[in-house]
Amino acid sequence: MQRFPGIDGLRGLAILMVTLFRLWVVARSRLPVAGLDLSLSPLFGHMRAALSFAISGFCLFYPLAKPTDRDRPWPSWRAFWLRRAVRILPA
């Protein structure tokens, strides 16, 4: 599989955002600070989910779209889903 350094960087950023948000939720529930709003929603908000969905969509679609770049026909959907199943189901 071809690697994309930019996508890997975005993936790392998404993982970092989710980790920080979860740590914040745990710390906020265990260490209440009176009168101090430590809301991270402007920083994280829905961006975590949107970034994760965009990266996943790209990673799933790229193997299907790659052959069309070289003037080859679209690969079979059956072969695509078979490869996905072989990759996911053993886990």
N, C-alpha and C. Protein backbone atom coordinates (compact mmCIF):
# COMPACT_ATOMS: atom_id res chain seq x y z
N MET A 1 0.83 -1.18 0.00
CA MET A 1 0.00 0.00 0.00
C MET A 1 0.88 1.25 0.00
N GLN A 2 0.49 2.21 -0.78
CA GLN A 2 1.23 3.46 -0.87
C GLN A 2 1.03 4.28 0.41
N ARG A 3 2.11 4.90 0.88
CA ARG A 3 2.03 5.74 2.08
C ARG A 3 1.93 7.20 1.67
N PHE A 4 1.15 7.95 2.43
CA PHE A 4 1.00 9.38 2.22
C PHE A 4 1.42 10.07 3.51
N PRO A 5 2.57 10.73 3.53
CA PRO A 5 3.03 11.38 4.77
C PRO A 5 2.02 12.40 5.30
N GLY A 6 1.34 13.13 4.42
CA GLY A 6 0.35 14.11 4.87
C GLY A 6 -0.83 13.45 5.57
N ILE A 7 -1.29 12.34 5.02
CA ILE A 7 -2.41 11.60 5.63
C ILE A 7 -1.96 11.00 6.96
N ASP A 8 -0.73 10.47 7.00
CA ASP A 8 -0.22 9.94 8.27
C ASP A 8 -0.14 11.03 9.33
N GLY A 9 0.25 12.24 8.92
CA GLY A 9 0.29 13.36 9.86
C GLY A 9 -1.09 13.73 10.36
N LEU A 10 -2.07 13.77 9.45
CA LEU A 10 -3.45 14.06 9.87
C LEU A 10 -4.00 12.97 10.78
N ARG A 11 -3.64 11.73 10.48
CA ARG A 11 -4.06 10.62 11.33
C ARG A 11 -3.50 10.78 12.74
N GLY A 12 -2.21 11.16 12.82
CA GLY A 12 -1.59 11.40 14.12
C GLY A 12 -2.26 12.56 14.86
N LEU A 13 -2.60 13.61 14.12
CA LEU A 13 -3.29 14.75 14.72
C LEU A 13 -4.66 14.34 15.26
N ALA A 14 -5.39 13.55 14.49
CA ALA A 14 -6.71 13.08 14.94
C ALA A 14 -6.58 12.22 16.19
N ILE A 15 -5.59 11.34 16.22
CA ILE A 15 -5.37 10.49 17.40
C ILE A 15 -5.02 11.34 18.62
N LEU A 16 -4.15 12.33 18.41
CA LEU A 16 -3.78 13.23 19.51
C LEU A 16 -4.99 13.99 20.03
N MET A 17 -5.84 14.50 19.12
CA MET A 17 -7.03 15.25 19.53
C MET A 17 -7.98 14.38 20.34
N VAL A 18 -8.19 13.15 19.89
CA VAL A 18 -9.09 12.24 20.62
C VAL A 18 -8.50 11.92 22.00
N THR A 19 -7.20 11.64 22.05
CA THR A 19 -6.55 11.31 23.33
C THR A 19 -6.64 12.48 24.30
N LEU A 20 -6.32 13.68 23.84
CA LEU A 20 -6.40 14.85 24.72
C LEU A 20 -7.82 15.10 25.20
N PHE A 21 -8.79 14.94 24.31
CA PHE A 21 -10.18 15.15 24.70
C PHE A 21 -10.62 14.14 25.76
N ARG A 22 -10.24 12.88 25.57
CA ARG A 22 -10.63 11.86 26.55
C ARG A 22 -9.95 12.08 27.89
N LEU A 23 -8.68 12.49 27.86
CA LEU A 23 -8.00 12.82 29.11
C LEU A 23 -8.68 14.00 29.80
N TRP A 24 -9.08 14.98 29.00
CA TRP A 24 -9.76 16.15 29.56
C TRP A 24 -11.09 15.75 30.21
N VAL A 25 -11.83 14.86 29.57
CA VAL A 25 -13.12 14.42 30.12
C VAL A 25 -12.90 13.71 31.45
N VAL A 26 -11.90 12.84 31.52
CA VAL A 26 -11.62 12.12 32.76
C VAL A 26 -11.16 13.09 33.84
N ALA A 27 -10.24 13.98 33.50
CA ALA A 27 -9.73 14.94 34.50
C ALA A 27 -10.83 15.87 34.99
N ARG A 28 -11.70 16.28 34.09
CA ARG A 28 -12.78 17.20 34.45
C ARG A 28 -13.77 16.53 35.41
N SER A 29 -14.01 15.24 35.20
CA SER A 29 -14.97 14.54 36.06
C SER A 29 -14.36 14.24 37.43
N ARG A 30 -13.05 14.11 37.51
CA ARG A 30 -12.42 13.75 38.78
C ARG A 30 -11.85 14.94 39.54
N LEU A 31 -11.55 16.02 38.81
CA LEU A 31 -10.95 17.19 39.46
C LEU A 31 -11.79 18.43 39.17
N PRO A 32 -12.94 18.54 39.79
CA PRO A 32 -13.76 19.73 39.52
C PRO A 32 -13.08 21.00 40.02
N VAL A 33 -13.01 21.97 39.14
CA VAL A 33 -12.41 23.25 39.49
C VAL A 33 -13.53 24.28 39.56
N ALA A 34 -13.77 24.82 40.75
CA ALA A 34 -14.87 25.74 40.95
C ALA A 34 -14.63 27.04 40.20
N GLY A 35 -15.61 27.45 39.40
CA GLY A 35 -15.57 28.74 38.74
C GLY A 35 -14.64 28.83 37.54
N LEU A 36 -14.03 27.74 37.13
CA LEU A 36 -13.11 27.77 36.01
C LEU A 36 -13.66 26.89 34.89
N ASP A 37 -13.93 27.49 33.77
CA ASP A 37 -14.45 26.73 32.63
C ASP A 37 -13.29 26.30 31.75
N LEU A 38 -13.01 25.03 31.74
CA LEU A 38 -11.91 24.49 30.94
C LEU A 38 -12.43 23.86 29.66
N SER A 39 -13.42 24.46 29.07
CA SER A 39 -14.05 23.87 27.90
C SER A 39 -13.09 23.84 26.72
N LEU A 40 -12.93 22.67 26.16
CA LEU A 40 -12.08 22.50 24.99
C LEU A 40 -12.90 22.35 23.72
N SER A 41 -14.20 22.55 23.81
CA SER A 41 -15.03 22.34 22.62
C SER A 41 -14.67 23.25 21.46
N PRO A 42 -14.26 24.52 21.66
CA PRO A 42 -13.85 25.30 20.49
C PRO A 42 -12.61 24.71 19.82
N LEU A 43 -11.74 24.10 20.61
CA LEU A 43 -10.51 23.55 20.07
C LEU A 43 -10.76 22.19 19.41
N PHE A 44 -11.61 21.39 19.98
CA PHE A 44 -11.81 20.04 19.48
C PHE A 44 -13.15 19.86 18.77
N GLY A 45 -14.23 20.26 19.43
CA GLY A 45 -15.56 20.20 18.86
C GLY A 45 -15.83 18.98 18.00
N HIS A 46 -16.46 19.23 16.85
CA HIS A 46 -16.78 18.14 15.93
C HIS A 46 -15.63 17.86 14.97
N MET A 47 -14.56 18.61 15.11
CA MET A 47 -13.43 18.45 14.20
C MET A 47 -12.81 17.05 14.31
N ARG A 48 -12.84 16.47 15.50
CA ARG A 48 -12.27 15.13 15.68
C ARG A 48 -12.97 14.13 14.77
N ALA A 49 -14.29 14.12 14.84
CA ALA A 49 -15.06 13.16 14.05
C ALA A 49 -14.94 13.45 12.56
N ALA A 50 -15.01 14.72 12.18
CA ALA A 50 -14.93 15.07 10.76
C ALA A 50 -13.58 14.68 10.18
N LEU A 51 -12.51 14.92 10.92
CA LEU A 51 -11.18 14.57 10.44
C LEU A 51 -11.04 13.05 10.31
N SER A 52 -11.52 12.32 11.29
CA SER A 52 -11.45 10.86 11.24
C SER A 52 -12.25 10.30 10.07
N PHE A 53 -13.46 10.82 9.84
CA PHE A 53 -14.27 10.35 8.72
C PHE A 53 -13.63 10.69 7.38
N ALA A 54 -13.05 11.86 7.26
CA ALA A 54 -12.41 12.25 6.00
C ALA A 54 -11.21 11.36 5.70
N ILE A 55 -10.40 11.08 6.71
CA ILE A 55 -9.23 10.21 6.51
C ILE A 55 -9.69 8.80 6.15
N SER A 56 -10.68 8.28 6.87
CA SER A 56 -11.18 6.93 6.58
C SER A 56 -11.75 6.84 5.17
N GLY A 57 -12.52 7.86 4.78
CA GLY A 57 -13.09 7.87 3.44
C GLY A 57 -12.01 7.87 2.37
N PHE A 58 -10.97 8.67 2.57
CA PHE A 58 -9.87 8.70 1.60
C PHE A 58 -9.18 7.34 1.54
N CYS A 59 -8.87 6.77 2.70
CA CYS A 59 -8.15 5.49 2.73
C CYS A 59 -8.97 4.35 2.12
N LEU A 60 -10.28 4.40 2.25
CA LEU A 60 -11.12 3.37 1.64
C LEU A 60 -11.30 3.58 0.14
N PHE A 61 -11.39 4.83 -0.29
CA PHE A 61 -11.67 5.11 -1.70
C PHE A 61 -10.43 5.07 -2.58
N TYR A 62 -9.28 5.38 -2.05
CA TYR A 62 -8.07 5.49 -2.86
C TYR A 62 -7.75 4.21 -3.64
N PRO A 63 -7.78 3.01 -3.02
CA PRO A 63 -7.48 1.81 -3.80
C PRO A 63 -8.45 1.59 -4.97
N LEU A 64 -9.68 2.07 -4.82
CA LEU A 64 -10.64 1.94 -5.93
C LEU A 64 -10.36 2.94 -7.03
N ALA A 65 -9.95 4.14 -6.67
CA ALA A 65 -9.75 5.20 -7.65
C ALA A 65 -8.38 5.15 -8.32
N LYS A 66 -7.40 4.53 -7.68
CA LYS A 66 -6.04 4.52 -8.20
C LYS A 66 -5.93 3.96 -9.63
N PRO A 67 -6.58 2.85 -9.97
CA PRO A 67 -6.46 2.34 -11.35
C PRO A 67 -6.98 3.31 -12.41
N THR A 68 -7.94 4.13 -12.08
CA THR A 68 -8.48 5.06 -13.08
C THR A 68 -7.47 6.13 -13.45
N ASP A 69 -6.48 6.36 -12.59
CA ASP A 69 -5.42 7.32 -12.88
C ASP A 69 -4.53 6.82 -14.01
N ARG A 70 -4.48 5.52 -14.18
CA ARG A 70 -3.63 4.92 -15.23
C ARG A 70 -4.47 4.40 -16.39
N ASP A 71 -5.64 4.98 -16.57
CA ASP A 71 -6.56 4.60 -17.65
C ASP A 71 -6.94 3.12 -17.65
N ARG A 72 -7.06 2.58 -16.48
CA ARG A 72 -7.56 1.21 -16.33
C ARG A 72 -9.00 1.29 -15.84
N PRO A 73 -9.77 0.23 -16.06
CA PRO A 73 -11.17 0.27 -15.58
C PRO A 73 -11.23 0.17 -14.06
N TRP A 74 -12.39 0.53 -13.53
CA TRP A 74 -12.62 0.41 -12.09
C TRP A 74 -12.47 -1.05 -11.68
N PRO A 75 -11.87 -1.30 -10.51
CA PRO A 75 -11.80 -2.68 -10.03
C PRO A 75 -13.18 -3.18 -9.62
N SER A 76 -13.28 -4.47 -9.51
CA SER A 76 -14.57 -5.06 -9.14
C SER A 76 -14.90 -4.77 -7.68
N TRP A 77 -16.16 -4.46 -7.43
CA TRP A 77 -16.61 -4.21 -6.05
C TRP A 77 -16.49 -5.46 -5.20
N ARG A 78 -16.72 -6.60 -5.82
CA ARG A 78 -16.62 -7.87 -5.09
C ARG A 78 -15.19 -8.08 -4.59
N ALA A 79 -14.21 -7.84 -5.46
CA ALA A 79 -12.81 -7.99 -5.06
C ALA A 79 -12.46 -6.99 -3.97
N PHE A 80 -12.98 -5.77 -4.09
CA PHE A 80 -12.72 -4.75 -3.07
C PHE A 80 -13.24 -5.20 -1.71
N TRP A 81 -14.49 -5.65 -1.65
CA TRP A 81 -15.06 -6.04 -0.37
C TRP A 81 -14.43 -7.32 0.17
N LEU A 82 -14.00 -8.18 -0.72
CA LEU A 82 -13.29 -9.39 -0.28
C LEU A 82 -11.96 -9.01 0.38
N ARG A 83 -11.21 -8.09 -0.24
CA ARG A 83 -9.95 -7.62 0.37
C ARG A 83 -10.21 -6.97 1.72
N ARG A 84 -11.26 -6.15 1.80
CA ARG A 84 -11.59 -5.49 3.08
C ARG A 84 -11.92 -6.53 4.15
N ALA A 85 -12.71 -7.54 3.78
CA ALA A 85 -13.11 -8.58 4.74
C ALA A 85 -11.89 -9.35 5.23
N VAL A 86 -11.00 -9.71 4.30
CA VAL A 86 -9.79 -10.46 4.69
C VAL A 86 -8.94 -9.61 5.62
N ARG A 87 -8.91 -8.32 5.39
CA ARG A 87 -8.07 -7.45 6.23
C ARG A 87 -8.70 -7.20 7.60
N ILE A 88 -10.02 -7.09 7.68
CA ILE A 88 -10.69 -6.72 8.92
C ILE A 88 -11.10 -7.91 9.79
N LEU A 89 -11.66 -8.95 9.17
CA LEU A 89 -12.27 -10.03 9.94
C LEU A 89 -11.33 -10.82 10.85
N PRO A 90 -10.07 -11.08 10.48
CA PRO A 90 -9.22 -11.79 11.44
C PRO A 90 -9.01 -11.02 12.74
N ALA A 91 -9.08 -9.70 12.69
CA ALA A 91 -8.88 -8.92 13.91
C ALA A 91 -10.05 -9.13 14.84
